[in-house]
N, C-alpha and C. Protein backbone atom coordinates (compact mmCIF):
# COMPACT_ATOMS: atom_id res chain seq x y z
N MET A 1 -33.22 17.32 -3.80
CA MET A 1 -31.95 16.92 -4.09
C MET A 1 -32.09 16.11 -5.34
N ASP A 2 -30.94 16.48 -5.82
CA ASP A 2 -30.74 15.64 -7.40
C ASP A 2 -30.06 14.59 -7.17
N LEU A 3 -30.54 13.46 -6.91
CA LEU A 3 -29.05 12.65 -6.95
C LEU A 3 -28.47 12.18 -8.07
N ILE A 4 -29.16 12.24 -9.22
CA ILE A 4 -28.29 12.13 -10.67
C ILE A 4 -27.17 12.82 -10.59
N SER A 5 -27.26 14.22 -10.39
CA SER A 5 -26.16 15.40 -10.44
C SER A 5 -25.37 15.38 -9.55
N ARG A 6 -25.83 14.65 -8.36
CA ARG A 6 -24.50 14.21 -7.54
C ARG A 6 -24.06 13.23 -7.48
N ILE A 7 -24.39 12.30 -8.52
CA ILE A 7 -23.72 11.10 -8.49
C ILE A 7 -22.85 11.27 -9.94
N ASN A 8 -23.16 12.09 -10.58
CA ASN A 8 -22.09 12.55 -11.95
C ASN A 8 -21.10 13.42 -11.20
N GLN A 9 -21.34 14.33 -10.19
CA GLN A 9 -20.08 15.12 -9.75
C GLN A 9 -19.33 14.11 -9.23
N HIS A 10 -19.65 12.97 -8.41
CA HIS A 10 -18.66 12.02 -7.75
C HIS A 10 -17.43 11.31 -9.31
N PHE A 11 -18.45 11.06 -10.32
CA PHE A 11 -17.58 10.55 -11.29
C PHE A 11 -16.32 11.52 -11.78
N THR A 12 -17.04 12.64 -11.97
CA THR A 12 -16.37 13.98 -12.46
C THR A 12 -14.93 14.15 -11.47
N ASP A 13 -15.20 14.25 -10.44
CA ASP A 13 -14.02 14.65 -9.21
C ASP A 13 -13.32 13.76 -9.26
N SER A 14 -13.67 12.39 -9.38
CA SER A 14 -12.69 10.86 -9.06
C SER A 14 -12.02 11.16 -10.63
N ALA A 15 -12.44 11.27 -11.64
CA ALA A 15 -11.62 11.53 -12.88
C ALA A 15 -10.64 12.31 -12.91
N GLN A 16 -11.20 13.79 -12.55
CA GLN A 16 -10.38 14.77 -12.50
C GLN A 16 -8.80 14.75 -11.38
N LEU A 17 -9.33 13.99 -10.69
CA LEU A 17 -8.00 14.10 -9.56
C LEU A 17 -7.52 12.70 -10.11
N LYS A 18 -7.93 11.74 -10.86
CA LYS A 18 -6.89 10.72 -11.49
C LYS A 18 -6.16 11.38 -12.54
N LEU A 19 -6.84 12.27 -13.31
CA LEU A 19 -5.92 12.89 -14.21
C LEU A 19 -4.72 13.80 -13.72
N GLN A 20 -5.26 14.58 -12.66
CA GLN A 20 -4.37 15.37 -11.93
C GLN A 20 -3.01 14.46 -11.13
N ALA A 21 -3.31 13.73 -11.05
CA ALA A 21 -2.58 12.72 -9.92
C ALA A 21 -1.57 11.87 -10.71
N MET A 22 -1.87 11.59 -12.24
CA MET A 22 -1.05 10.98 -13.05
C MET A 22 0.36 11.42 -13.16
N GLU A 23 0.74 12.66 -13.37
CA GLU A 23 2.20 13.21 -13.76
C GLU A 23 3.05 12.90 -12.12
N LEU A 24 2.01 13.03 -11.26
CA LEU A 24 2.73 13.25 -10.00
C LEU A 24 3.21 12.32 -9.42
N LEU A 25 2.28 10.93 -9.54
CA LEU A 25 2.51 9.87 -9.26
C LEU A 25 3.16 8.74 -9.93
N SER A 26 2.97 9.09 -11.25
CA SER A 26 3.80 7.65 -12.26
C SER A 26 5.34 7.59 -12.07
N GLY A 27 5.73 8.56 -11.44
CA GLY A 27 7.25 8.25 -11.19
C GLY A 27 7.37 7.71 -9.74
N PRO A 28 6.96 7.64 -8.69
CA PRO A 28 7.16 6.94 -7.46
C PRO A 28 6.44 5.75 -8.00
N LEU A 29 5.47 5.68 -8.58
CA LEU A 29 4.73 4.36 -8.57
C LEU A 29 6.00 3.12 -9.34
N ALA A 30 6.38 3.61 -10.55
CA ALA A 30 7.67 3.08 -11.34
C ALA A 30 8.38 2.51 -10.46
N SER A 31 9.05 3.76 -9.45
CA SER A 31 9.93 3.45 -8.55
C SER A 31 9.63 2.31 -7.81
N ALA A 32 8.39 2.43 -7.14
CA ALA A 32 7.71 1.01 -6.02
C ALA A 32 7.85 -0.05 -6.78
N SER A 33 7.41 -0.31 -7.90
CA SER A 33 7.14 -1.35 -8.51
C SER A 33 8.26 -2.19 -8.94
N GLU A 34 9.61 -1.31 -9.32
CA GLU A 34 10.64 -1.94 -9.62
C GLU A 34 11.43 -2.23 -8.21
N ARG A 35 11.41 -1.64 -7.17
CA ARG A 35 12.14 -2.23 -5.96
C ARG A 35 11.21 -3.33 -5.50
N MET A 36 9.95 -3.60 -5.78
CA MET A 36 8.97 -4.59 -5.40
C MET A 36 9.58 -5.90 -6.35
N VAL A 37 9.94 -5.91 -7.55
CA VAL A 37 10.30 -6.73 -8.25
C VAL A 37 11.65 -7.33 -8.03
N GLU A 38 12.37 -6.47 -7.68
CA GLU A 38 13.79 -6.44 -7.08
C GLU A 38 13.74 -7.37 -5.49
N CYS A 39 12.73 -7.15 -4.92
CA CYS A 39 12.75 -7.67 -3.87
C CYS A 39 12.28 -9.13 -3.63
N LEU A 40 11.37 -9.32 -4.46
CA LEU A 40 10.60 -10.73 -5.11
C LEU A 40 11.71 -11.54 -5.94
N MET A 41 12.43 -10.98 -6.96
CA MET A 41 13.60 -11.73 -7.70
C MET A 41 14.65 -12.15 -6.43
N GLN A 42 14.86 -11.55 -5.11
CA GLN A 42 15.73 -12.16 -4.38
C GLN A 42 15.26 -12.91 -3.40
N GLU A 43 14.04 -13.31 -3.42
CA GLU A 43 13.33 -14.14 -2.57
C GLU A 43 12.48 -13.66 -1.54
N GLY A 44 12.56 -12.17 -1.57
CA GLY A 44 11.88 -11.47 -0.32
C GLY A 44 10.54 -11.75 -0.65
N LYS A 45 9.73 -11.26 0.25
CA LYS A 45 8.31 -10.85 0.24
C LYS A 45 7.69 -9.39 0.28
N ILE A 46 6.42 -9.22 0.36
CA ILE A 46 6.06 -8.00 0.49
C ILE A 46 5.05 -7.96 1.29
N LEU A 47 5.04 -7.27 2.34
CA LEU A 47 3.96 -7.50 3.49
C LEU A 47 3.14 -5.85 3.44
N SER A 48 1.78 -5.96 3.67
CA SER A 48 1.05 -4.66 3.54
C SER A 48 0.11 -4.56 4.52
N CYS A 49 -0.06 -3.68 4.85
CA CYS A 49 -1.20 -3.10 6.06
C CYS A 49 -2.06 -1.80 5.71
N GLY A 50 -2.93 -1.28 6.63
CA GLY A 50 -3.82 -0.55 6.75
C GLY A 50 -4.76 -1.03 7.39
N ASN A 51 -6.00 0.24 7.63
CA ASN A 51 -6.99 -0.04 8.54
C ASN A 51 -8.34 0.51 7.66
N GLY A 52 -9.51 -0.14 7.83
CA GLY A 52 -10.60 0.15 7.08
C GLY A 52 -10.29 -0.30 5.64
N GLY A 53 -10.60 0.81 4.95
CA GLY A 53 -10.61 0.52 3.59
C GLY A 53 -9.11 -0.11 2.86
N SER A 54 -8.33 0.68 3.71
CA SER A 54 -6.97 0.74 3.55
C SER A 54 -6.26 -0.78 3.89
N ALA A 55 -7.32 -1.50 4.82
CA ALA A 55 -6.84 -3.02 5.03
C ALA A 55 -7.52 -3.39 3.84
N ALA A 56 -8.51 -3.03 3.28
CA ALA A 56 -9.30 -3.95 2.28
C ALA A 56 -8.02 -4.02 0.84
N ASP A 57 -7.81 -2.49 1.02
CA ASP A 57 -6.76 -2.53 -0.36
C ASP A 57 -5.43 -3.34 0.10
N ALA A 58 -4.74 -3.47 1.16
CA ALA A 58 -3.50 -4.39 1.37
C ALA A 58 -4.12 -5.86 1.05
N GLN A 59 -5.27 -5.85 1.49
CA GLN A 59 -5.70 -7.51 1.35
C GLN A 59 -5.74 -7.91 -0.43
N HIS A 60 -6.35 -6.82 -0.95
CA HIS A 60 -6.35 -7.01 -2.61
C HIS A 60 -4.98 -7.03 -3.07
N PHE A 61 -4.64 -5.97 -2.89
CA PHE A 61 -3.10 -6.11 -3.54
C PHE A 61 -2.26 -7.56 -3.37
N SER A 62 -2.30 -7.76 -1.97
CA SER A 62 -1.62 -9.46 -1.59
C SER A 62 -2.01 -10.39 -2.22
N ALA A 63 -3.92 -10.32 -2.48
CA ALA A 63 -4.30 -11.22 -3.43
C ALA A 63 -3.92 -11.36 -5.09
N GLU A 64 -3.71 -10.27 -5.32
CA GLU A 64 -3.48 -9.92 -6.91
C GLU A 64 -1.87 -10.45 -7.03
N LEU A 65 -1.00 -10.27 -6.13
CA LEU A 65 0.15 -11.04 -6.47
C LEU A 65 0.53 -11.99 -6.26
N LEU A 66 -0.32 -12.84 -4.85
CA LEU A 66 -0.03 -14.26 -4.23
C LEU A 66 -0.88 -15.01 -5.39
N ASN A 67 -2.33 -14.90 -5.70
CA ASN A 67 -2.84 -15.63 -7.20
C ASN A 67 -2.25 -14.90 -8.53
N ARG A 68 -3.17 -14.11 -8.71
CA ARG A 68 -2.45 -13.29 -10.28
C ARG A 68 -3.16 -12.14 -10.61
N PHE A 69 -2.57 -10.94 -11.56
CA PHE A 69 -3.35 -10.03 -11.87
C PHE A 69 -4.07 -10.44 -13.14
N GLU A 70 -3.56 -9.93 -13.89
CA GLU A 70 -4.23 -10.07 -15.64
C GLU A 70 -3.51 -11.05 -16.46
N LYS A 71 -2.62 -11.66 -16.01
CA LYS A 71 -1.40 -12.69 -16.59
C LYS A 71 -1.35 -13.73 -15.85
N GLU A 72 -1.11 -15.08 -16.65
CA GLU A 72 -0.45 -15.92 -15.84
C GLU A 72 0.92 -16.37 -15.21
N ARG A 73 1.24 -15.97 -13.95
CA ARG A 73 2.48 -16.23 -13.76
C ARG A 73 2.42 -17.18 -12.55
N PRO A 74 3.75 -17.60 -11.97
CA PRO A 74 3.75 -17.78 -10.67
C PRO A 74 3.67 -17.06 -9.37
N PRO A 75 2.71 -17.93 -8.51
CA PRO A 75 2.55 -17.08 -7.19
C PRO A 75 3.52 -16.15 -6.97
N LEU A 76 3.28 -14.92 -6.18
CA LEU A 76 4.50 -14.08 -5.84
C LEU A 76 3.90 -13.86 -4.13
N ALA A 77 5.51 -13.39 -3.64
CA ALA A 77 5.15 -13.51 -1.93
C ALA A 77 4.89 -12.35 -1.61
N ALA A 78 3.50 -12.40 -0.72
CA ALA A 78 2.78 -11.40 -0.50
C ALA A 78 1.91 -11.89 0.71
N ILE A 79 2.11 -10.97 1.75
CA ILE A 79 0.87 -11.20 3.04
C ILE A 79 0.51 -9.70 3.44
N ALA A 80 -0.54 -10.11 3.45
CA ALA A 80 -1.78 -8.96 4.02
C ALA A 80 -1.82 -9.04 5.62
N LEU A 81 -1.28 -8.18 6.33
CA LEU A 81 -1.29 -8.01 8.06
C LEU A 81 -2.55 -8.00 8.89
N SER A 82 -3.38 -7.61 8.10
CA SER A 82 -4.95 -7.36 8.24
C SER A 82 -5.66 -8.28 8.45
N THR A 83 -5.33 -9.69 8.00
CA THR A 83 -6.40 -10.65 7.85
C THR A 83 -6.50 -11.66 8.98
N ASP A 84 -5.54 -11.96 9.91
CA ASP A 84 -5.34 -12.83 10.99
C ASP A 84 -6.24 -12.27 12.25
N THR A 85 -7.46 -12.63 12.14
CA THR A 85 -8.21 -11.85 13.29
C THR A 85 -7.85 -12.36 14.54
N SER A 86 -7.15 -13.67 14.79
CA SER A 86 -6.78 -14.06 16.09
C SER A 86 -5.60 -13.38 16.48
N THR A 87 -4.73 -13.03 15.67
CA THR A 87 -3.26 -12.48 15.97
C THR A 87 -3.87 -10.78 16.19
N LEU A 88 -4.47 -10.42 15.42
CA LEU A 88 -4.87 -8.74 15.49
C LEU A 88 -5.37 -8.79 16.70
N THR A 89 -6.32 -9.58 17.45
CA THR A 89 -7.24 -8.95 18.20
C THR A 89 -6.36 -9.58 19.53
N SER A 90 -5.35 -10.70 19.60
CA SER A 90 -4.87 -10.93 20.75
C SER A 90 -3.76 -9.87 21.09
N ILE A 91 -3.16 -9.37 19.86
CA ILE A 91 -2.10 -8.08 20.18
C ILE A 91 -2.64 -6.85 20.77
N ALA A 92 -3.85 -6.46 20.21
CA ALA A 92 -4.62 -5.35 20.35
C ALA A 92 -5.27 -5.71 22.34
N ASN A 93 -5.51 -6.74 22.75
CA ASN A 93 -5.92 -6.98 23.52
C ASN A 93 -5.00 -7.04 24.60
N ASP A 94 -3.89 -7.57 24.51
CA ASP A 94 -2.69 -7.83 25.31
C ASP A 94 -1.63 -6.62 25.43
N TYR A 95 -1.77 -6.15 24.47
CA TYR A 95 -0.85 -4.68 24.10
C TYR A 95 -1.67 -3.60 24.02
N HIS A 96 -1.02 -3.57 22.52
CA HIS A 96 -2.02 -2.00 22.26
C HIS A 96 -2.49 -1.83 20.84
N TYR A 97 -3.73 -1.57 20.07
CA TYR A 97 -3.60 -1.46 18.77
C TYR A 97 -2.65 -1.07 17.90
N ASP A 98 -2.13 -0.21 18.58
CA ASP A 98 -0.89 0.31 17.61
C ASP A 98 0.28 -0.57 17.05
N GLU A 99 0.34 -1.67 17.79
CA GLU A 99 0.98 -2.66 17.69
C GLU A 99 0.61 -3.77 16.59
N VAL A 100 -0.54 -3.94 16.33
CA VAL A 100 -0.68 -4.82 15.53
C VAL A 100 -0.27 -5.44 14.60
N PHE A 101 0.20 -4.36 13.63
CA PHE A 101 1.06 -4.58 12.66
C PHE A 101 2.60 -4.70 12.95
N SER A 102 3.21 -4.03 13.88
CA SER A 102 4.74 -3.86 14.16
C SER A 102 5.38 -4.90 14.38
N LYS A 103 4.09 -5.59 15.33
CA LYS A 103 4.12 -7.17 16.20
C LYS A 103 4.67 -8.29 14.94
N GLN A 104 3.74 -8.13 14.06
CA GLN A 104 3.93 -9.10 13.04
C GLN A 104 5.02 -8.91 12.15
N ILE A 105 5.26 -7.80 11.75
CA ILE A 105 6.57 -7.10 11.05
C ILE A 105 8.04 -7.65 11.68
N ARG A 106 7.78 -7.87 13.25
CA ARG A 106 9.07 -8.17 13.92
C ARG A 106 9.28 -9.75 13.75
N ALA A 107 8.27 -10.24 13.86
CA ALA A 107 7.93 -11.55 13.61
C ALA A 107 8.33 -12.18 12.01
N LEU A 108 7.72 -11.73 10.98
CA LEU A 108 7.75 -12.29 9.92
C LEU A 108 8.46 -11.31 8.92
N GLY A 109 9.15 -10.28 9.22
CA GLY A 109 9.91 -9.36 8.04
C GLY A 109 11.10 -9.71 8.12
N GLN A 110 11.96 -9.78 7.15
CA GLN A 110 13.37 -10.07 6.86
C GLN A 110 14.13 -9.01 6.06
N PRO A 111 15.28 -8.88 6.18
CA PRO A 111 16.13 -7.46 5.71
C PRO A 111 15.82 -7.86 4.13
N GLY A 112 15.55 -6.51 3.45
CA GLY A 112 15.17 -7.01 1.90
C GLY A 112 13.82 -7.10 1.65
N ASP A 113 12.72 -7.36 2.72
CA ASP A 113 11.56 -7.56 2.29
C ASP A 113 11.02 -6.15 2.07
N ILE A 114 9.50 -5.68 1.90
CA ILE A 114 9.20 -4.49 1.43
C ILE A 114 7.71 -4.45 2.34
N LEU A 115 7.53 -3.10 3.07
CA LEU A 115 6.43 -3.08 3.74
C LEU A 115 5.54 -2.19 2.51
N LEU A 116 4.41 -2.31 2.37
CA LEU A 116 3.51 -1.61 1.82
C LEU A 116 2.34 -0.97 2.82
N ALA A 117 2.81 0.23 3.11
CA ALA A 117 2.05 0.91 4.41
C ALA A 117 1.06 1.69 3.75
N ILE A 118 -0.17 1.37 3.93
CA ILE A 118 -1.32 2.43 3.22
C ILE A 118 -1.92 3.00 4.55
N SER A 119 -2.08 4.51 4.46
CA SER A 119 -3.12 5.27 5.19
C SER A 119 -3.65 6.59 4.48
N THR A 120 -4.77 6.59 4.35
CA THR A 120 -5.14 7.97 3.53
C THR A 120 -4.98 9.02 4.29
N SER A 121 -4.98 9.10 5.78
CA SER A 121 -4.52 10.51 6.18
C SER A 121 -3.18 10.48 6.48
N GLY A 122 -2.08 9.66 6.49
CA GLY A 122 -0.98 9.43 6.80
C GLY A 122 -0.58 9.49 8.27
N ASN A 123 -1.46 9.40 8.81
CA ASN A 123 -1.61 9.33 10.53
C ASN A 123 -1.73 8.32 11.37
N SER A 124 -1.87 6.85 10.74
CA SER A 124 -2.32 5.89 11.25
C SER A 124 -1.29 5.60 12.15
N ALA A 125 -1.65 5.29 13.61
CA ALA A 125 -0.87 4.91 14.83
C ALA A 125 0.02 3.73 14.15
N ASN A 126 -0.99 2.86 13.96
CA ASN A 126 -0.48 1.62 13.62
C ASN A 126 0.16 1.63 12.74
N VAL A 127 0.16 2.09 11.48
CA VAL A 127 0.88 1.77 10.37
C VAL A 127 2.38 3.01 10.69
N MET A 128 2.46 3.99 11.44
CA MET A 128 3.64 4.67 11.67
C MET A 128 4.37 3.65 12.56
N GLU A 129 3.96 3.08 13.14
CA GLU A 129 4.65 1.58 14.32
C GLU A 129 4.95 0.84 13.40
N ALA A 130 4.31 0.17 11.99
CA ALA A 130 4.96 -0.39 11.03
C ALA A 130 5.90 -0.42 10.38
N ILE A 131 5.77 1.14 10.28
CA ILE A 131 7.00 1.73 9.31
C ILE A 131 8.27 1.67 10.23
N ASN A 132 7.92 1.99 11.26
CA ASN A 132 9.35 1.78 12.33
C ASN A 132 10.11 0.50 12.52
N ALA A 133 9.19 -0.51 12.79
CA ALA A 133 9.40 -1.81 12.81
C ALA A 133 9.97 -2.30 11.31
N ALA A 134 9.66 -1.89 10.34
CA ALA A 134 9.74 -2.39 8.94
C ALA A 134 11.54 -1.62 9.13
N HIS A 135 11.81 -0.29 9.35
CA HIS A 135 13.07 -0.14 9.44
C HIS A 135 13.91 -0.97 10.01
N ASP A 136 13.42 -0.55 11.39
CA ASP A 136 13.99 -1.94 12.33
C ASP A 136 14.78 -3.34 11.75
N ARG A 137 13.87 -3.71 10.76
CA ARG A 137 14.18 -5.23 10.47
C ARG A 137 14.93 -4.76 8.91
N GLN A 138 15.35 -3.70 8.72
CA GLN A 138 16.24 -3.47 7.55
C GLN A 138 15.08 -3.80 6.02
N MET A 139 14.04 -3.39 6.11
CA MET A 139 13.32 -3.40 5.14
C MET A 139 12.97 -2.20 4.37
N ASN A 140 12.61 -2.23 3.28
CA ASN A 140 12.18 -0.77 2.68
C ASN A 140 10.52 -0.86 2.70
N VAL A 141 9.99 0.99 2.47
CA VAL A 141 8.99 0.88 2.85
C VAL A 141 8.13 1.85 1.73
N VAL A 142 6.98 1.04 1.05
CA VAL A 142 6.39 2.29 0.11
C VAL A 142 5.04 2.32 0.92
N ALA A 143 5.18 3.87 0.81
CA ALA A 143 4.08 4.29 1.64
C ALA A 143 2.76 5.00 0.72
N LEU A 144 1.68 4.53 0.91
CA LEU A 144 0.28 4.91 -0.18
C LEU A 144 -0.20 5.99 0.93
N THR A 145 -0.40 7.14 0.68
CA THR A 145 -1.13 8.27 1.72
C THR A 145 -1.63 8.83 0.77
N GLY A 146 -2.63 10.05 1.66
CA GLY A 146 -3.11 11.29 0.91
C GLY A 146 -2.90 12.48 1.86
N LYS A 147 -3.43 13.72 1.91
CA LYS A 147 -3.90 14.68 2.71
C LYS A 147 -2.68 15.12 3.29
N LYS A 148 -1.64 15.40 2.08
CA LYS A 148 -0.33 15.77 2.22
C LYS A 148 0.97 14.62 3.05
N GLY A 149 0.51 13.29 2.97
CA GLY A 149 1.14 12.45 3.62
C GLY A 149 1.48 12.56 5.21
N GLY A 150 0.50 13.32 5.94
CA GLY A 150 0.54 13.21 7.46
C GLY A 150 1.78 13.19 7.95
N LYS A 151 2.00 12.28 9.13
CA LYS A 151 3.23 12.18 9.97
C LYS A 151 4.02 11.29 9.49
N ILE A 152 3.61 10.23 8.46
CA ILE A 152 4.15 9.27 8.01
C ILE A 152 5.21 9.86 6.83
N SER A 153 5.07 10.88 6.34
CA SER A 153 6.17 11.51 5.29
C SER A 153 7.22 11.69 6.14
N ALA A 154 7.05 12.14 7.34
CA ALA A 154 8.48 12.43 8.05
C ALA A 154 9.28 11.18 8.71
N LEU A 155 8.42 10.21 8.50
CA LEU A 155 9.29 8.89 8.92
C LEU A 155 9.99 8.33 7.65
N LEU A 156 9.76 8.45 6.76
CA LEU A 156 10.23 7.96 5.63
C LEU A 156 11.75 8.37 5.10
N GLY A 157 12.28 7.31 4.60
CA GLY A 157 14.25 7.26 4.64
C GLY A 157 14.18 7.67 2.82
N PRO A 158 15.54 7.80 2.68
CA PRO A 158 15.79 7.80 1.32
C PRO A 158 15.77 7.03 0.45
N ALA A 159 15.77 5.62 1.10
CA ALA A 159 15.50 4.32 0.19
C ALA A 159 13.84 3.88 0.26
N ASP A 160 12.90 4.66 0.78
CA ASP A 160 11.41 4.51 0.53
C ASP A 160 10.89 5.16 -0.05
N VAL A 161 9.73 4.91 -0.98
CA VAL A 161 9.16 5.56 -1.87
C VAL A 161 7.29 5.97 -1.38
N HIS A 162 7.17 7.28 -1.27
CA HIS A 162 6.06 7.69 -1.05
C HIS A 162 5.30 8.12 -2.23
N ILE A 163 4.04 7.54 -1.97
CA ILE A 163 3.09 7.69 -3.30
C ILE A 163 1.86 8.59 -2.49
N CYS A 164 1.83 9.77 -2.63
CA CYS A 164 1.00 10.51 -1.67
C CYS A 164 -0.14 10.83 -2.87
N VAL A 165 -1.38 10.85 -2.54
CA VAL A 165 -2.39 11.27 -3.72
C VAL A 165 -2.67 12.54 -3.35
N PRO A 166 -2.53 13.75 -3.93
CA PRO A 166 -2.85 14.95 -3.58
C PRO A 166 -4.34 15.38 -4.07
N ALA A 167 -4.85 15.05 -2.69
CA ALA A 167 -6.46 15.35 -2.31
C ALA A 167 -6.71 14.78 -0.88
N ASP A 168 -7.90 15.62 -0.42
CA ASP A 168 -8.12 15.77 1.30
C ASP A 168 -9.12 15.01 1.56
N ARG A 169 -10.13 14.35 0.46
CA ARG A 169 -11.51 13.28 0.80
C ARG A 169 -10.88 12.29 0.62
N THR A 170 -11.63 11.46 1.88
CA THR A 170 -10.66 10.10 1.83
C THR A 170 -11.30 9.08 0.86
N ALA A 171 -12.59 9.37 0.41
CA ALA A 171 -13.13 8.44 -0.72
C ALA A 171 -12.47 8.63 -1.89
N ARG A 172 -11.92 9.78 -2.26
CA ARG A 172 -11.33 10.11 -3.54
C ARG A 172 -9.64 9.84 -3.47
N ILE A 173 -9.39 9.60 -1.90
CA ILE A 173 -7.88 9.28 -2.41
C ILE A 173 -7.94 7.99 -2.28
N GLN A 174 -9.04 6.89 -1.64
CA GLN A 174 -9.13 5.52 -1.83
C GLN A 174 -9.56 5.00 -3.39
N GLU A 175 -10.16 5.92 -3.96
CA GLU A 175 -10.18 5.40 -5.34
C GLU A 175 -9.13 5.60 -6.26
N VAL A 176 -8.16 6.31 -5.72
CA VAL A 176 -6.77 6.74 -6.65
C VAL A 176 -6.00 5.71 -6.09
N HIS A 177 -5.79 5.03 -4.54
CA HIS A 177 -5.26 4.52 -4.01
C HIS A 177 -5.28 2.69 -4.95
N LEU A 178 -6.55 2.67 -5.42
CA LEU A 178 -6.90 1.14 -5.96
C LEU A 178 -6.14 1.27 -7.18
N LEU A 179 -6.29 2.39 -8.01
CA LEU A 179 -5.70 2.75 -9.47
C LEU A 179 -3.99 2.18 -9.21
N CYS A 180 -3.82 2.93 -8.30
CA CYS A 180 -2.00 2.99 -7.80
C CYS A 180 -1.74 1.36 -7.50
N LEU A 181 -2.67 0.88 -6.76
CA LEU A 181 -1.97 -0.64 -6.38
C LEU A 181 -2.48 -1.62 -7.88
N HIS A 182 -3.38 -1.27 -8.85
CA HIS A 182 -3.48 -1.95 -10.05
C HIS A 182 -2.40 -1.49 -11.15
N CYS A 183 -1.75 -0.27 -10.76
CA CYS A 183 -0.68 -0.22 -11.60
C CYS A 183 0.54 -0.81 -11.52
N MET A 184 0.75 -0.84 -9.90
CA MET A 184 1.69 -1.34 -9.44
C MET A 184 1.55 -3.05 -9.91
N CYS A 185 0.63 -3.70 -10.01
CA CYS A 185 0.57 -4.99 -10.12
C CYS A 185 0.97 -4.99 -11.84
N ASP A 186 0.15 -4.30 -12.55
CA ASP A 186 0.64 -4.54 -13.74
C ASP A 186 2.06 -4.33 -14.13
N ALA A 187 2.66 -3.18 -13.42
CA ALA A 187 3.83 -2.99 -13.58
C ALA A 187 4.94 -4.15 -13.34
N ILE A 188 4.76 -4.76 -12.10
CA ILE A 188 5.34 -5.81 -11.62
C ILE A 188 5.05 -7.12 -12.65
N ASP A 189 4.17 -7.22 -13.28
CA ASP A 189 4.12 -8.37 -14.10
C ASP A 189 4.77 -7.81 -15.59
N CYS A 190 4.81 -6.78 -15.98
CA CYS A 190 5.62 -6.41 -17.16
C CYS A 190 6.97 -6.62 -16.67
N LEU A 191 7.37 -6.13 -15.81
CA LEU A 191 9.08 -6.74 -15.39
C LEU A 191 9.35 -7.90 -15.31
N LEU A 192 8.30 -8.55 -14.78
CA LEU A 192 8.69 -10.11 -14.55
C LEU A 192 8.72 -10.81 -15.81
N LEU A 193 7.34 -10.50 -16.64
CA LEU A 193 7.33 -11.37 -17.78
C LEU A 193 7.12 -10.58 -19.09
N GLY A 194 7.54 -9.40 -19.08
CA GLY A 194 7.58 -8.79 -20.34
C GLY A 194 6.41 -8.38 -21.01
N VAL A 195 6.64 -7.47 -21.56
CA VAL A 195 5.23 -6.55 -22.30
C VAL A 195 4.59 -7.00 -23.54
N GLU A 196 3.35 -7.66 -23.45
CA GLU A 196 3.01 -7.94 -24.90
C GLU A 196 3.16 -7.25 -25.91
């Protein structure tokens, strides 16, 4: 096995997918960023959720907003719903794992808030329940998916934004998801602070 060639192929595949996705995703990313800024300017908040690597991405995005991205600015209201282990385990134990995010949204979400729903497959049951809860709470949704959007694509309404990575391999989708999150962080800062 030639590990160097295999590693080089990962870099090549990732770079090619990012370039392929650029034109497809730049419009939805701009729309999502504009909606997030509008939400934040009206004293709303962004709730984010996902499982596994997507949970890490939700936390990453929330941290970039709450603390800072690349520019100094006031903190922005963002909460990752995957971080409170006592809440997650009590809901999963007492009810069902499918409700770990939706119950939090029903408690914390307000009309005008935004849910950032991350699922590489587009089929995560608890993320789908979160989207339903967000709609019930009159929240808009930004869905970050791959694999043609899965079942999540059918749940989204006209006021929602779907950012669907055109790939089937989970690792590649996650790599583009991180770039998308950084693009949104940068766009939010530019819209709030102006471009240098």
